[in-house]
Amino acid sequence: MSESFAEYLRIKGTPIWEAIFAHPFVQEVGKGTLSRDRFLFFIRQDYLYLAEFGKVLCMGGAKADSLDTLEMFADHAVTVVRVERAFHTNFAKKLGLTPEDLASTVSAQGTQAYTSHLLAVAHRGTLGELVAAVLPCYWVYWEVGVRLNRSIPSDEIYADWIRAYAAETFEAHVKQQLKLIDHLAEKASEGEKERMEEHFLLSSRYEYLFWDQAYKQQLWPV
């Protein structure tokens, strides 16, 4: 039995993903030793990222090829806006940040670049290209959550964060996107599949940079 398109993408992205799993940010969250300043930087940037990510998912709904796909994107967009916002606000509160602090966060260069990439694909690309671009955000976090969930740290905040991304509810959303990309790849031309692969790998690289900028607390140089 030949591999699915999702499996093909996962294999192509393996070097990038292994670098993510080995990154000190991810490793230190798993051990419960990551400095709070670094996690705060991450939470604030992720809050901004998800606001743009929600818009991209809405555009996925606009490009939907069926009512089932439209319903899926609508559900995922609502989850990002309601659940993830509450999730990040809760973490921020525990870390001493107010909603106003979150809202006043300046988008870092990696955050700006990543969201600009996603929005550009959403505006100009096909539905298949859009799914390929957003898929690493789903899939990477799920794999990180599953890996770190094997040995939960004693730190309550990091433990809650890990469990959220290892949860069955999040897994269900990931598997919906995996099923969709395989469906769309079956109908795509070779040229479209090449673009889907390019978007997937670029988003995977941006995922690495997102962790890296948080670890380095890297804003704009000037």
N, C-alpha and C. Protein backbone atom coordinates (compact mmCIF):
# COMPACT_ATOMS: atom_id res chain seq x y z
N MET A 1 0.85 -1.19 0.00
CA MET A 1 0.00 0.00 0.00
C MET A 1 0.88 1.24 0.00
N SER A 2 0.64 2.15 -0.96
CA SER A 2 1.47 3.35 -1.04
C SER A 2 1.12 4.33 0.06
N GLU A 3 2.07 5.20 0.37
CA GLU A 3 1.85 6.18 1.43
C GLU A 3 0.85 7.24 0.98
N SER A 4 0.16 7.81 1.95
CA SER A 4 -0.76 8.90 1.66
C SER A 4 0.04 10.18 1.45
N PHE A 5 -0.64 11.22 0.95
CA PHE A 5 0.05 12.49 0.74
C PHE A 5 0.50 13.09 2.08
N ALA A 6 -0.34 12.94 3.10
CA ALA A 6 0.03 13.43 4.44
C ALA A 6 1.29 12.73 4.94
N GLU A 7 1.35 11.43 4.75
CA GLU A 7 2.54 10.67 5.16
C GLU A 7 3.77 11.12 4.38
N TYR A 8 3.57 11.37 3.09
CA TYR A 8 4.67 11.86 2.26
C TYR A 8 5.20 13.20 2.80
N LEU A 9 4.29 14.12 3.14
CA LEU A 9 4.70 15.41 3.68
C LEU A 9 5.43 15.25 5.01
N ARG A 10 4.91 14.34 5.84
CA ARG A 10 5.54 14.14 7.15
C ARG A 10 6.98 13.64 7.00
N ILE A 11 7.19 12.75 6.06
CA ILE A 11 8.54 12.24 5.81
C ILE A 11 9.46 13.35 5.31
N LYS A 12 8.95 14.16 4.38
CA LYS A 12 9.74 15.26 3.84
C LYS A 12 10.10 16.27 4.93
N GLY A 13 9.21 16.45 5.87
CA GLY A 13 9.45 17.42 6.94
C GLY A 13 10.22 16.90 8.13
N THR A 14 10.59 15.63 8.10
CA THR A 14 11.23 15.00 9.27
C THR A 14 12.45 15.76 9.81
N PRO A 15 13.40 16.20 8.97
CA PRO A 15 14.56 16.91 9.53
C PRO A 15 14.17 18.19 10.29
N ILE A 16 13.18 18.90 9.77
CA ILE A 16 12.72 20.13 10.44
C ILE A 16 12.03 19.77 11.75
N TRP A 17 11.15 18.79 11.70
CA TRP A 17 10.38 18.41 12.88
C TRP A 17 11.27 17.84 13.99
N GLU A 18 12.28 17.08 13.60
CA GLU A 18 13.19 16.55 14.63
C GLU A 18 13.96 17.69 15.30
N ALA A 19 14.27 18.73 14.53
CA ALA A 19 14.92 19.92 15.12
C ALA A 19 13.98 20.61 16.10
N ILE A 20 12.68 20.62 15.79
CA ILE A 20 11.69 21.19 16.71
C ILE A 20 11.64 20.38 18.00
N PHE A 21 11.53 19.06 17.88
CA PHE A 21 11.42 18.22 19.07
C PHE A 21 12.66 18.32 19.95
N ALA A 22 13.81 18.57 19.34
CA ALA A 22 15.07 18.66 20.08
C ALA A 22 15.34 20.08 20.58
N HIS A 23 14.52 21.05 20.19
CA HIS A 23 14.79 22.44 20.57
C HIS A 23 14.71 22.59 22.09
N PRO A 24 15.60 23.40 22.67
CA PRO A 24 15.59 23.55 24.13
C PRO A 24 14.27 24.08 24.69
N PHE A 25 13.53 24.88 23.93
CA PHE A 25 12.23 25.35 24.42
C PHE A 25 11.32 24.16 24.69
N VAL A 26 11.19 23.29 23.71
CA VAL A 26 10.32 22.12 23.83
C VAL A 26 10.84 21.18 24.91
N GLN A 27 12.13 20.92 24.90
CA GLN A 27 12.72 20.01 25.88
C GLN A 27 12.54 20.53 27.31
N GLU A 28 12.71 21.83 27.51
CA GLU A 28 12.62 22.40 28.85
C GLU A 28 11.17 22.51 29.33
N VAL A 29 10.23 22.70 28.42
CA VAL A 29 8.82 22.63 28.82
C VAL A 29 8.52 21.23 29.33
N GLY A 30 9.01 20.23 28.60
CA GLY A 30 8.78 18.85 28.99
C GLY A 30 9.37 18.49 30.34
N LYS A 31 10.47 19.14 30.69
CA LYS A 31 11.12 18.88 31.98
C LYS A 31 10.61 19.81 33.08
N GLY A 32 9.84 20.83 32.67
CA GLY A 32 9.34 21.80 33.64
C GLY A 32 10.38 22.81 34.07
N THR A 33 11.44 22.97 33.27
CA THR A 33 12.55 23.85 33.66
C THR A 33 12.63 25.13 32.83
N LEU A 34 11.74 25.30 31.85
CA LEU A 34 11.79 26.49 31.01
C LEU A 34 11.54 27.74 31.85
N SER A 35 12.33 28.78 31.62
CA SER A 35 12.14 30.02 32.38
C SER A 35 10.79 30.63 32.05
N ARG A 36 10.18 31.25 33.05
CA ARG A 36 8.86 31.86 32.86
C ARG A 36 8.91 32.99 31.83
N ASP A 37 10.00 33.73 31.77
CA ASP A 37 10.11 34.82 30.80
C ASP A 37 9.98 34.29 29.38
N ARG A 38 10.60 33.17 29.11
CA ARG A 38 10.54 32.58 27.78
C ARG A 38 9.12 32.10 27.47
N PHE A 39 8.47 31.48 28.45
CA PHE A 39 7.12 31.00 28.23
C PHE A 39 6.16 32.17 28.06
N LEU A 40 6.35 33.23 28.81
CA LEU A 40 5.53 34.43 28.66
C LEU A 40 5.67 35.01 27.26
N PHE A 41 6.87 35.08 26.76
CA PHE A 41 7.11 35.57 25.41
C PHE A 41 6.33 34.72 24.41
N PHE A 42 6.41 33.42 24.58
CA PHE A 42 5.72 32.49 23.70
C PHE A 42 4.21 32.70 23.75
N ILE A 43 3.64 32.77 24.95
CA ILE A 43 2.20 32.92 25.12
C ILE A 43 1.70 34.21 24.46
N ARG A 44 2.45 35.28 24.64
CA ARG A 44 2.03 36.56 24.06
C ARG A 44 2.08 36.52 22.53
N GLN A 45 3.12 35.93 21.98
CA GLN A 45 3.23 35.84 20.53
C GLN A 45 2.20 34.86 19.96
N ASP A 46 1.95 33.78 20.66
CA ASP A 46 0.98 32.81 20.20
C ASP A 46 -0.43 33.40 20.21
N TYR A 47 -0.71 34.26 21.16
CA TYR A 47 -2.00 34.96 21.21
C TYR A 47 -2.21 35.77 19.94
N LEU A 48 -1.18 36.49 19.52
CA LEU A 48 -1.26 37.28 18.29
C LEU A 48 -1.38 36.37 17.07
N TYR A 49 -0.58 35.33 17.07
CA TYR A 49 -0.57 34.39 15.94
C TYR A 49 -1.96 33.79 15.73
N LEU A 50 -2.60 33.37 16.80
CA LEU A 50 -3.88 32.69 16.68
C LEU A 50 -4.99 33.61 16.18
N ALA A 51 -4.87 34.90 16.46
CA ALA A 51 -5.85 35.85 15.93
C ALA A 51 -5.82 35.83 14.39
N GLU A 52 -4.62 35.78 13.83
CA GLU A 52 -4.47 35.72 12.37
C GLU A 52 -4.80 34.32 11.84
N PHE A 53 -4.44 33.31 12.60
CA PHE A 53 -4.72 31.93 12.21
C PHE A 53 -6.22 31.71 12.08
N GLY A 54 -6.99 32.29 12.99
CA GLY A 54 -8.44 32.18 12.91
C GLY A 54 -8.99 32.75 11.62
N LYS A 55 -8.41 33.87 11.17
CA LYS A 55 -8.84 34.48 9.89
C LYS A 55 -8.53 33.54 8.73
N VAL A 56 -7.37 32.89 8.79
CA VAL A 56 -6.99 31.95 7.72
C VAL A 56 -7.98 30.79 7.67
N LEU A 57 -8.38 30.29 8.83
CA LEU A 57 -9.36 29.19 8.86
C LEU A 57 -10.70 29.63 8.29
N CYS A 58 -11.10 30.86 8.56
CA CYS A 58 -12.34 31.38 7.97
C CYS A 58 -12.23 31.42 6.45
N MET A 59 -11.06 31.76 5.94
CA MET A 59 -10.86 31.77 4.49
C MET A 59 -10.86 30.36 3.93
N GLY A 60 -10.44 29.39 4.74
CA GLY A 60 -10.56 28.00 4.33
C GLY A 60 -12.02 27.61 4.15
N GLY A 61 -12.86 28.10 5.06
CA GLY A 61 -14.28 27.84 4.94
C GLY A 61 -14.85 28.45 3.67
N ALA A 62 -14.37 29.64 3.30
CA ALA A 62 -14.83 30.31 2.09
C ALA A 62 -14.45 29.54 0.83
N LYS A 63 -13.35 28.79 0.90
CA LYS A 63 -12.89 28.00 -0.25
C LYS A 63 -13.41 26.57 -0.21
N ALA A 64 -14.21 26.24 0.79
CA ALA A 64 -14.64 24.85 1.01
C ALA A 64 -15.29 24.24 -0.22
N ASP A 65 -14.99 22.96 -0.43
CA ASP A 65 -15.55 22.24 -1.58
C ASP A 65 -16.81 21.46 -1.23
N SER A 66 -17.23 21.53 0.03
CA SER A 66 -18.44 20.83 0.46
C SER A 66 -18.94 21.44 1.77
N LEU A 67 -20.18 21.14 2.13
CA LEU A 67 -20.73 21.64 3.39
C LEU A 67 -19.99 21.04 4.58
N ASP A 68 -19.54 19.79 4.45
CA ASP A 68 -18.79 19.16 5.53
C ASP A 68 -17.48 19.89 5.79
N THR A 69 -16.80 20.27 4.70
CA THR A 69 -15.55 21.01 4.85
C THR A 69 -15.81 22.40 5.42
N LEU A 70 -16.87 23.05 4.97
CA LEU A 70 -17.24 24.36 5.51
C LEU A 70 -17.52 24.26 7.00
N GLU A 71 -18.27 23.25 7.40
CA GLU A 71 -18.59 23.06 8.81
C GLU A 71 -17.32 22.83 9.63
N MET A 72 -16.39 22.03 9.09
CA MET A 72 -15.14 21.75 9.80
C MET A 72 -14.35 23.03 10.04
N PHE A 73 -14.18 23.84 8.98
CA PHE A 73 -13.41 25.06 9.13
C PHE A 73 -14.10 26.05 10.08
N ALA A 74 -15.42 26.11 10.00
CA ALA A 74 -16.16 27.00 10.91
C ALA A 74 -15.96 26.56 12.35
N ASP A 75 -16.03 25.26 12.59
CA ASP A 75 -15.83 24.73 13.94
C ASP A 75 -14.42 25.00 14.44
N HIS A 76 -13.44 24.81 13.58
CA HIS A 76 -12.05 25.04 13.98
C HIS A 76 -11.79 26.53 14.24
N ALA A 77 -12.38 27.39 13.42
CA ALA A 77 -12.19 28.82 13.62
C ALA A 77 -12.81 29.28 14.94
N VAL A 78 -13.99 28.76 15.26
CA VAL A 78 -14.64 29.10 16.54
C VAL A 78 -13.79 28.60 17.70
N THR A 79 -13.22 27.40 17.54
CA THR A 79 -12.36 26.86 18.60
C THR A 79 -11.16 27.77 18.85
N VAL A 80 -10.54 28.23 17.78
CA VAL A 80 -9.39 29.13 17.91
C VAL A 80 -9.79 30.41 18.62
N VAL A 81 -10.91 30.99 18.22
CA VAL A 81 -11.32 32.28 18.78
C VAL A 81 -11.77 32.15 20.23
N ARG A 82 -12.58 31.15 20.51
CA ARG A 82 -13.15 31.01 21.86
C ARG A 82 -12.25 30.22 22.81
N VAL A 83 -11.96 28.99 22.41
CA VAL A 83 -11.24 28.10 23.32
C VAL A 83 -9.79 28.52 23.48
N GLU A 84 -9.09 28.75 22.36
CA GLU A 84 -7.68 29.09 22.46
C GLU A 84 -7.48 30.45 23.12
N ARG A 85 -8.39 31.40 22.85
CA ARG A 85 -8.24 32.71 23.49
C ARG A 85 -8.40 32.58 25.01
N ALA A 86 -9.40 31.80 25.43
CA ALA A 86 -9.59 31.57 26.86
C ALA A 86 -8.40 30.82 27.44
N PHE A 87 -7.87 29.86 26.66
CA PHE A 87 -6.71 29.07 27.07
C PHE A 87 -5.50 29.97 27.32
N HIS A 88 -5.22 30.87 26.38
CA HIS A 88 -4.07 31.75 26.53
C HIS A 88 -4.31 32.81 27.60
N THR A 89 -5.54 33.31 27.70
CA THR A 89 -5.85 34.29 28.74
C THR A 89 -5.68 33.66 30.11
N ASN A 90 -6.06 32.40 30.25
CA ASN A 90 -5.92 31.70 31.53
C ASN A 90 -4.45 31.54 31.90
N PHE A 91 -3.63 31.14 30.92
CA PHE A 91 -2.20 31.03 31.18
C PHE A 91 -1.61 32.40 31.54
N ALA A 92 -2.03 33.42 30.80
CA ALA A 92 -1.51 34.77 31.06
C ALA A 92 -1.84 35.20 32.47
N LYS A 93 -3.07 34.93 32.90
CA LYS A 93 -3.49 35.32 34.26
C LYS A 93 -2.61 34.64 35.31
N LYS A 94 -2.37 33.34 35.11
CA LYS A 94 -1.52 32.60 36.05
C LYS A 94 -0.10 33.14 36.07
N LEU A 95 0.32 33.72 34.94
CA LEU A 95 1.68 34.25 34.82
C LEU A 95 1.76 35.74 35.13
N GLY A 96 0.63 36.33 35.55
CA GLY A 96 0.64 37.73 35.97
C GLY A 96 0.37 38.73 34.87
N LEU A 97 -0.14 38.27 33.70
CA LEU A 97 -0.47 39.18 32.61
C LEU A 97 -1.96 39.45 32.57
N THR A 98 -2.33 40.67 32.22
CA THR A 98 -3.73 41.04 32.06
C THR A 98 -4.13 40.89 30.58
N PRO A 99 -5.44 40.87 30.29
CA PRO A 99 -5.87 40.85 28.89
C PRO A 99 -5.32 42.05 28.12
N GLU A 100 -5.18 43.18 28.82
CA GLU A 100 -4.62 44.38 28.18
C GLU A 100 -3.16 44.16 27.82
N ASP A 101 -2.43 43.44 28.68
CA ASP A 101 -1.03 43.12 28.37
C ASP A 101 -0.94 42.29 27.09
N LEU A 102 -1.82 41.30 26.99
CA LEU A 102 -1.82 40.46 25.79
C LEU A 102 -2.12 41.29 24.55
N ALA A 103 -3.14 42.13 24.65
CA ALA A 103 -3.58 42.92 23.49
C ALA A 103 -2.53 43.93 23.05
N SER A 104 -1.68 44.36 23.97
CA SER A 104 -0.67 45.37 23.64
C SER A 104 0.64 44.76 23.15
N THR A 105 0.70 43.45 23.02
CA THR A 105 1.92 42.77 22.59
C THR A 105 2.29 43.18 21.16
N VAL A 106 3.58 43.44 20.96
CA VAL A 106 4.10 43.77 19.63
C VAL A 106 4.46 42.46 18.92
N SER A 107 3.99 42.31 17.70
CA SER A 107 4.29 41.10 16.93
C SER A 107 5.78 41.02 16.61
N ALA A 108 6.41 39.91 17.00
CA ALA A 108 7.83 39.70 16.73
C ALA A 108 8.03 39.37 15.25
N GLN A 109 9.28 39.44 14.81
CA GLN A 109 9.54 39.26 13.38
C GLN A 109 9.14 37.87 12.89
N GLY A 110 9.37 36.85 13.69
CA GLY A 110 8.98 35.50 13.29
C GLY A 110 7.47 35.35 13.22
N THR A 111 6.77 35.93 14.17
CA THR A 111 5.31 35.89 14.18
C THR A 111 4.75 36.59 12.96
N GLN A 112 5.30 37.78 12.67
CA GLN A 112 4.84 38.55 11.51
C GLN A 112 5.08 37.80 10.21
N ALA A 113 6.25 37.20 10.09
CA ALA A 113 6.59 36.47 8.86
C ALA A 113 5.68 35.25 8.68
N TYR A 114 5.47 34.52 9.76
CA TYR A 114 4.66 33.30 9.69
C TYR A 114 3.22 33.62 9.32
N THR A 115 2.61 34.58 10.00
CA THR A 115 1.22 34.91 9.72
C THR A 115 1.06 35.52 8.33
N SER A 116 2.05 36.28 7.89
CA SER A 116 1.98 36.85 6.54
C SER A 116 2.01 35.74 5.49
N HIS A 117 2.83 34.73 5.74
CA HIS A 117 2.89 33.56 4.84
C HIS A 117 1.53 32.87 4.77
N LEU A 118 0.92 32.62 5.92
CA LEU A 118 -0.36 31.92 5.94
C LEU A 118 -1.45 32.73 5.25
N LEU A 119 -1.49 34.03 5.52
CA LEU A 119 -2.50 34.88 4.90
C LEU A 119 -2.32 34.98 3.39
N ALA A 120 -1.06 35.02 2.95
CA ALA A 120 -0.79 35.08 1.51
C ALA A 120 -1.28 33.82 0.81
N VAL A 121 -1.00 32.66 1.40
CA VAL A 121 -1.46 31.40 0.81
C VAL A 121 -2.99 31.34 0.82
N ALA A 122 -3.59 31.80 1.92
CA ALA A 122 -5.05 31.77 2.02
C ALA A 122 -5.70 32.65 0.96
N HIS A 123 -5.09 33.79 0.67
CA HIS A 123 -5.64 34.72 -0.32
C HIS A 123 -5.44 34.21 -1.75
N ARG A 124 -4.25 33.69 -2.03
CA ARG A 124 -3.87 33.40 -3.42
C ARG A 124 -3.96 31.94 -3.81
N GLY A 125 -3.90 31.06 -2.84
CA GLY A 125 -3.80 29.64 -3.14
C GLY A 125 -5.13 28.92 -3.21
N THR A 126 -5.05 27.66 -3.56
CA THR A 126 -6.22 26.79 -3.57
C THR A 126 -6.53 26.32 -2.15
N LEU A 127 -7.64 25.63 -2.00
CA LEU A 127 -7.97 25.06 -0.69
C LEU A 127 -6.88 24.08 -0.27
N GLY A 128 -6.38 23.28 -1.20
CA GLY A 128 -5.32 22.32 -0.87
C GLY A 128 -4.06 23.00 -0.39
N GLU A 129 -3.71 24.11 -1.01
CA GLU A 129 -2.54 24.87 -0.58
C GLU A 129 -2.74 25.44 0.81
N LEU A 130 -3.93 25.95 1.07
CA LEU A 130 -4.23 26.51 2.39
C LEU A 130 -4.11 25.44 3.47
N VAL A 131 -4.68 24.28 3.23
CA VAL A 131 -4.62 23.19 4.22
C VAL A 131 -3.17 22.78 4.46
N ALA A 132 -2.38 22.70 3.39
CA ALA A 132 -0.97 22.34 3.53
C ALA A 132 -0.22 23.36 4.37
N ALA A 133 -0.58 24.64 4.23
CA ALA A 133 0.11 25.70 4.97
C ALA A 133 -0.24 25.68 6.45
N VAL A 134 -1.52 25.37 6.78
CA VAL A 134 -1.92 25.39 8.20
C VAL A 134 -1.63 24.07 8.90
N LEU A 135 -1.43 23.00 8.14
CA LEU A 135 -1.30 21.67 8.74
C LEU A 135 -0.17 21.56 9.77
N PRO A 136 1.02 22.12 9.53
CA PRO A 136 2.07 21.98 10.55
C PRO A 136 1.68 22.56 11.91
N CYS A 137 0.90 23.63 11.93
CA CYS A 137 0.48 24.20 13.21
C CYS A 137 -0.33 23.20 14.02
N TYR A 138 -1.19 22.47 13.34
CA TYR A 138 -1.96 21.42 14.00
C TYR A 138 -1.06 20.26 14.41
N TRP A 139 -0.38 19.74 13.41
CA TRP A 139 0.31 18.45 13.53
C TRP A 139 1.52 18.51 14.44
N VAL A 140 2.31 19.59 14.32
CA VAL A 140 3.50 19.73 15.18
C VAL A 140 3.10 19.79 16.65
N TYR A 141 2.08 20.59 16.95
CA TYR A 141 1.68 20.74 18.36
C TYR A 141 1.13 19.43 18.92
N TRP A 142 0.41 18.71 18.08
CA TRP A 142 -0.10 17.42 18.55
C TRP A 142 1.05 16.46 18.84
N GLU A 143 2.02 16.38 17.95
CA GLU A 143 3.15 15.47 18.17
C GLU A 143 3.97 15.91 19.38
N VAL A 144 4.16 17.22 19.55
CA VAL A 144 4.87 17.71 20.74
C VAL A 144 4.09 17.32 21.99
N GLY A 145 2.77 17.54 21.97
CA GLY A 145 1.95 17.19 23.12
C GLY A 145 2.02 15.72 23.46
N VAL A 146 1.92 14.86 22.44
CA VAL A 146 1.95 13.41 22.66
C VAL A 146 3.31 12.98 23.22
N ARG A 147 4.38 13.52 22.65
CA ARG A 147 5.72 13.15 23.11
C ARG A 147 5.95 13.58 24.56
N LEU A 148 5.60 14.82 24.87
CA LEU A 148 5.85 15.33 26.21
C LEU A 148 4.90 14.74 27.24
N ASN A 149 3.74 14.29 26.79
CA ASN A 149 2.75 13.72 27.70
C ASN A 149 3.18 12.37 28.28
N ARG A 150 4.24 11.80 27.70
CA ARG A 150 4.74 10.52 28.22
C ARG A 150 5.36 10.67 29.61
N SER A 151 5.80 11.88 29.91
CA SER A 151 6.41 12.14 31.22
C SER A 151 6.08 13.59 31.61
N ILE A 152 4.95 13.76 32.29
CA ILE A 152 4.45 15.09 32.62
C ILE A 152 5.31 15.73 33.71
N PRO A 153 5.72 16.99 33.52
CA PRO A 153 6.50 17.66 34.58
C PRO A 153 5.62 18.03 35.77
N SER A 154 6.24 18.27 36.89
CA SER A 154 5.48 18.64 38.09
C SER A 154 4.96 20.06 38.03
N ASP A 155 5.57 20.91 37.20
CA ASP A 155 5.11 22.28 37.05
C ASP A 155 3.69 22.29 36.49
N GLU A 156 2.76 22.87 37.23
CA GLU A 156 1.34 22.81 36.86
C GLU A 156 1.05 23.49 35.53
N ILE A 157 1.65 24.64 35.29
CA ILE A 157 1.39 25.38 34.06
C ILE A 157 1.86 24.61 32.84
N TYR A 158 3.08 24.09 32.89
CA TYR A 158 3.59 23.33 31.74
C TYR A 158 2.85 22.01 31.57
N ALA A 159 2.45 21.39 32.67
CA ALA A 159 1.68 20.15 32.59
C ALA A 159 0.34 20.39 31.90
N ASP A 160 -0.34 21.48 32.26
CA ASP A 160 -1.64 21.80 31.64
C ASP A 160 -1.47 22.09 30.16
N TRP A 161 -0.40 22.79 29.81
CA TRP A 161 -0.15 23.12 28.40
C TRP A 161 0.07 21.84 27.59
N ILE A 162 0.85 20.93 28.12
CA ILE A 162 1.14 19.66 27.43
C ILE A 162 -0.14 18.85 27.25
N ARG A 163 -0.93 18.73 28.31
CA ARG A 163 -2.16 17.93 28.25
C ARG A 163 -3.14 18.49 27.22
N ALA A 164 -3.18 19.80 27.08
CA ALA A 164 -4.11 20.42 26.13
C ALA A 164 -3.82 19.97 24.70
N TYR A 165 -2.54 19.85 24.35
CA TYR A 165 -2.19 19.49 22.99
C TYR A 165 -2.09 17.98 22.78
N ALA A 166 -2.12 17.23 23.87
CA ALA A 166 -2.16 15.77 23.76
C ALA A 166 -3.58 15.25 23.87
N ALA A 167 -4.54 16.16 24.08
CA ALA A 167 -5.93 15.77 24.33
C ALA A 167 -6.60 15.19 23.09
N GLU A 168 -7.58 14.33 23.32
CA GLU A 168 -8.31 13.70 22.22
C GLU A 168 -9.08 14.72 21.38
N THR A 169 -9.55 15.79 22.01
CA THR A 169 -10.30 16.81 21.26
C THR A 169 -9.39 17.49 20.24
N PHE A 170 -8.15 17.78 20.63
CA PHE A 170 -7.21 18.38 19.69
C PHE A 170 -6.79 17.37 18.64
N GLU A 171 -6.58 16.14 19.05
CA GLU A 171 -6.23 15.07 18.11
C GLU A 171 -7.30 14.93 17.02
N ALA A 172 -8.56 15.07 17.40
CA ALA A 172 -9.65 14.94 16.43
C ALA A 172 -9.57 16.02 15.36
N HIS A 173 -9.21 17.24 15.76
CA HIS A 173 -9.06 18.33 14.78
C HIS A 173 -7.89 18.06 13.84
N VAL A 174 -6.80 17.56 14.40
CA VAL A 174 -5.64 17.24 13.57
C VAL A 174 -6.01 16.19 12.52
N LYS A 175 -6.69 15.15 12.95
CA LYS A 175 -7.03 14.05 12.04
C LYS A 175 -8.02 14.50 10.96
N GLN A 176 -8.87 15.47 11.28
CA GLN A 176 -9.76 16.02 10.26
C GLN A 176 -8.96 16.70 9.16
N GLN A 177 -7.94 17.47 9.55
CA GLN A 177 -7.12 18.15 8.55
C GLN A 177 -6.28 17.14 7.75
N LEU A 178 -5.80 16.11 8.40
CA LEU A 178 -5.03 15.08 7.69
C LEU A 178 -5.90 14.36 6.66
N LYS A 179 -7.12 14.05 7.03
CA LYS A 179 -8.05 13.40 6.10
C LYS A 179 -8.35 14.32 4.92
N LEU A 180 -8.53 15.62 5.22
CA LEU A 180 -8.87 16.57 4.17
C LEU A 180 -7.72 16.74 3.18
N ILE A 181 -6.48 16.84 3.68
CA ILE A 181 -5.38 17.06 2.74
C ILE A 181 -5.19 15.85 1.83
N ASP A 182 -5.42 14.66 2.34
CA ASP A 182 -5.32 13.47 1.49
C ASP A 182 -6.41 13.49 0.42
N HIS A 183 -7.61 13.90 0.81
CA HIS A 183 -8.73 14.01 -0.14
C HIS A 183 -8.41 15.02 -1.23
N LEU A 184 -7.91 16.17 -0.84
CA LEU A 184 -7.62 17.23 -1.81
C LEU A 184 -6.45 16.87 -2.71
N ALA A 185 -5.47 16.16 -2.17
CA ALA A 185 -4.31 15.77 -2.97
C ALA A 185 -4.69 14.80 -4.08
N GLU A 186 -5.72 13.99 -3.85
CA GLU A 186 -6.15 13.03 -4.87
C GLU A 186 -6.63 13.74 -6.13
N LYS A 187 -7.16 14.95 -5.97
CA LYS A 187 -7.71 15.69 -7.11
C LYS A 187 -6.75 16.75 -7.65
N ALA A 188 -5.64 16.97 -6.94
CA ALA A 188 -4.73 18.05 -7.29
C ALA A 188 -3.81 17.67 -8.45
N SER A 189 -3.43 18.67 -9.22
CA SER A 189 -2.43 18.45 -10.28
C SER A 189 -1.05 18.30 -9.65
N GLU A 190 -0.09 17.86 -10.43
CA GLU A 190 1.26 17.73 -9.91
C GLU A 190 1.81 19.09 -9.49
N GLY A 191 1.48 20.13 -10.26
CA GLY A 191 1.94 21.47 -9.91
C GLY A 191 1.36 21.94 -8.58
N GLU A 192 0.09 21.66 -8.36
CA GLU A 192 -0.53 22.06 -7.09
C GLU A 192 0.07 21.28 -5.93
N LYS A 193 0.31 20.00 -6.13
CA LYS A 193 0.90 19.20 -5.05
C LYS A 193 2.32 19.69 -4.72
N GLU A 194 3.05 20.13 -5.72
CA GLU A 194 4.37 20.70 -5.45
C GLU A 194 4.26 21.97 -4.61
N ARG A 195 3.27 22.80 -4.90
CA ARG A 195 3.07 24.02 -4.11
C ARG A 195 2.61 23.67 -2.70
N MET A 196 1.78 22.66 -2.57
CA MET A 196 1.33 22.22 -1.24
C MET A 196 2.53 21.77 -0.41
N GLU A 197 3.43 21.03 -1.03
CA GLU A 197 4.63 20.59 -0.33
C GLU A 197 5.49 21.78 0.10
N GLU A 198 5.65 22.75 -0.79
CA GLU A 198 6.44 23.94 -0.47
C GLU A 198 5.84 24.70 0.71
N HIS A 199 4.52 24.87 0.70
CA HIS A 199 3.86 25.59 1.79
C HIS A 199 3.99 24.83 3.11
N PHE A 200 3.85 23.51 3.04
CA PHE A 200 3.95 22.68 4.24
C PHE A 200 5.34 22.80 4.86
N LEU A 201 6.37 22.71 4.04
CA LEU A 201 7.74 22.77 4.55
C LEU A 201 8.09 24.16 5.07
N LEU A 202 7.59 25.21 4.38
CA LEU A 202 7.87 26.56 4.86
C LEU A 202 7.17 26.80 6.19
N SER A 203 5.93 26.36 6.33
CA SER A 203 5.24 26.51 7.61
C SER A 203 5.94 25.71 8.70
N SER A 204 6.47 24.55 8.36
CA SER A 204 7.23 23.76 9.34
C SER A 204 8.46 24.53 9.81
N ARG A 205 9.13 25.18 8.87
CA ARG A 205 10.30 25.99 9.26
C ARG A 205 9.90 27.16 10.14
N TYR A 206 8.76 27.77 9.83
CA TYR A 206 8.27 28.86 10.67
C TYR A 206 7.89 28.36 12.06
N GLU A 207 7.41 27.12 12.15
CA GLU A 207 7.13 26.56 13.47
C GLU A 207 8.41 26.48 14.30
N TYR A 208 9.48 26.04 13.67
CA TYR A 208 10.77 26.00 14.37
C TYR A 208 11.16 27.40 14.82
N LEU A 209 11.06 28.38 13.92
CA LEU A 209 11.44 29.75 14.25
C LEU A 209 10.58 30.33 15.36
N PHE A 210 9.33 29.91 15.42
CA PHE A 210 8.43 30.42 16.47
C PHE A 210 8.90 29.99 17.85
N TRP A 211 9.29 28.72 17.97
CA TRP A 211 9.85 28.24 19.25
C TRP A 211 11.18 28.95 19.53
N ASP A 212 11.99 29.09 18.49
CA ASP A 212 13.33 29.66 18.66
C ASP A 212 13.28 31.12 19.08
N GLN A 213 12.37 31.90 18.49
CA GLN A 213 12.30 33.32 18.86
C GLN A 213 11.83 33.47 20.31
N ALA A 214 10.97 32.55 20.78
CA ALA A 214 10.52 32.61 22.16
C ALA A 214 11.67 32.29 23.11
N TYR A 215 12.47 31.29 22.74
CA TYR A 215 13.60 30.91 23.61
C TYR A 215 14.60 32.04 23.70
N LYS A 216 14.82 32.73 22.58
CA LYS A 216 15.78 33.84 22.54
C LYS A 216 15.15 35.17 22.91
N GLN A 217 13.79 35.16 23.07
CA GLN A 217 13.02 36.38 23.34
C GLN A 217 13.39 37.46 22.32
N GLN A 218 13.25 37.09 21.08
CA GLN A 218 13.77 37.87 19.97
C GLN A 218 12.69 38.72 19.31
N LEU A 219 12.76 40.01 19.52
CA LEU A 219 11.88 40.95 18.84
C LEU A 219 12.62 41.50 17.61
N TRP A 220 12.32 42.71 17.23
CA TRP A 220 12.99 43.31 16.07
C TRP A 220 14.35 43.88 16.47
N PRO A 221 15.37 43.75 15.62
CA PRO A 221 16.70 44.27 15.98
C PRO A 221 16.75 45.79 16.03
N VAL A 222 15.89 46.45 15.29
CA VAL A 222 15.83 47.93 15.30
C VAL A 222 14.38 48.38 15.30
